């Protein structure tokens, strides 16, 4: 079970029960108890995804790519075109 936000959906690749409010949790817990085979499928898929997608080498590569983009002046903000260095020496 995971809070229904883009990050969690990406991490779990849609393989899980997602909730948006506290009221959504009770049905999710009931489903996990009444559908143990499905719960096991979600658990197995999660372990497989974590071990194959989220590796230290991959994390390091992603950070290196990000650092290179930022060094070139790119922005991680979707509305910004380029990051600008401040010319104010007191900033």
Protein backbone atom coordinates (compact mmCIF):
# COMPACT_ATOMS: atom_id res chain seq x y z
CA UNK A 1 0.00 0.00 0.00
CA UNK A 2 1.25 3.41 -0.93
CA UNK A 3 0.00 6.95 -0.95
CA UNK A 4 -1.25 7.71 -4.46
CA UNK A 5 1.34 10.12 -5.83
CA UNK A 6 3.35 9.94 -9.06
CA UNK A 7 6.57 8.98 -7.28
CA UNK A 8 5.00 5.94 -5.58
CA UNK A 9 3.28 4.85 -8.78
CA UNK A 10 6.62 5.06 -10.61
CA UNK A 11 8.52 3.19 -7.91
CA UNK A 12 5.92 0.43 -7.73
CA UNK A 13 5.23 0.47 -11.48
CA UNK A 14 1.52 0.39 -10.65
CA UNK A 15 1.94 -2.93 -8.81
CA UNK A 16 0.25 -2.23 -5.51
CA UNK A 17 -2.75 -0.87 -3.70
CA UNK A 18 -2.80 2.92 -3.68
CA UNK A 19 -4.76 5.24 -1.41
CA UNK A 20 -5.51 8.96 -1.57
CA UNK A 21 -7.26 9.48 1.75
CA UNK A 22 -7.35 7.85 5.17
CA UNK A 23 -10.83 6.56 4.28
CA UNK A 24 -9.30 4.61 1.39
CA UNK A 25 -7.11 2.55 3.72
CA UNK A 26 -9.73 0.26 5.27
CA UNK A 27 -10.80 -1.21 1.91
CA UNK A 28 -7.14 -1.58 0.93
CA UNK A 29 -6.35 -3.53 4.11
CA UNK A 30 -9.43 -5.71 3.57
CA UNK A 31 -8.31 -6.42 0.01
CA UNK A 32 -4.85 -7.39 1.20
CA UNK A 33 -6.38 -9.82 3.70
CA UNK A 34 -8.99 -11.30 1.38
CA UNK A 35 -6.67 -11.51 -1.66
CA UNK A 36 -3.46 -13.01 -0.29
CA UNK A 37 -2.36 -14.30 -3.70
CA UNK A 38 -2.61 -10.80 -5.15
CA UNK A 39 -0.78 -9.36 -2.14
CA UNK A 40 2.00 -11.89 -2.72
CA UNK A 41 2.15 -10.94 -6.43
CA UNK A 42 2.56 -7.28 -5.47
CA UNK A 43 5.28 -8.19 -2.95
CA UNK A 44 7.16 -10.34 -5.46
CA UNK A 45 6.88 -7.69 -8.19
CA UNK A 46 8.13 -5.02 -5.78
CA UNK A 47 11.18 -7.03 -4.75
CA UNK A 48 12.00 -7.80 -8.38
CA UNK A 49 11.63 -4.16 -9.43
CA UNK A 50 13.76 -2.86 -6.57
CA UNK A 51 16.57 -5.34 -7.22
CA UNK A 52 16.63 -4.74 -10.98
CA UNK A 53 15.85 -1.04 -11.35
CA UNK A 54 17.10 0.68 -8.22
CA UNK A 55 20.79 -0.16 -8.07
CA UNK A 56 23.58 1.98 -6.65
CA UNK A 57 25.21 2.10 -10.08
CA UNK A 58 21.97 3.42 -11.58
CA UNK A 59 21.51 5.97 -8.80
CA UNK A 60 25.08 7.21 -9.26
CA UNK A 61 24.63 7.44 -13.04
CA UNK A 62 21.42 9.43 -12.61
CA UNK A 63 23.08 11.88 -10.21
CA UNK A 64 26.05 12.27 -12.53
CA UNK A 65 23.73 13.08 -15.46
CA UNK A 66 21.86 15.57 -13.30
CA UNK A 67 25.09 17.23 -12.15
CA UNK A 68 26.29 17.55 -15.76
CA UNK A 69 22.97 19.10 -16.84
CA UNK A 70 23.03 21.56 -13.95
CA UNK A 71 26.68 22.43 -14.68
CA UNK A 72 25.59 23.31 -18.24
CA UNK A 73 22.99 25.68 -16.79
CA UNK A 74 19.91 23.51 -17.24
CA UNK A 75 17.19 23.69 -14.64
CA UNK A 76 15.31 20.90 -12.94
CA UNK A 77 12.31 23.23 -12.60
CA UNK A 78 9.84 22.45 -15.41
CA UNK A 79 9.02 26.12 -16.09
CA UNK A 80 12.59 27.42 -16.05
CA UNK A 81 14.70 27.33 -19.18
CA UNK A 82 18.11 27.71 -17.59
CA UNK A 83 19.50 28.27 -14.16
CA UNK A 84 21.28 31.58 -13.81
CA UNK A 85 24.17 32.24 -11.51
CA UNK A 86 23.78 35.26 -9.35
CA UNK A 87 25.98 38.22 -10.17
CA UNK A 88 25.37 39.61 -6.70
CA UNK A 89 28.53 38.93 -4.66
CA UNK A 90 26.53 39.09 -1.41
CA UNK A 91 24.05 36.41 -2.48
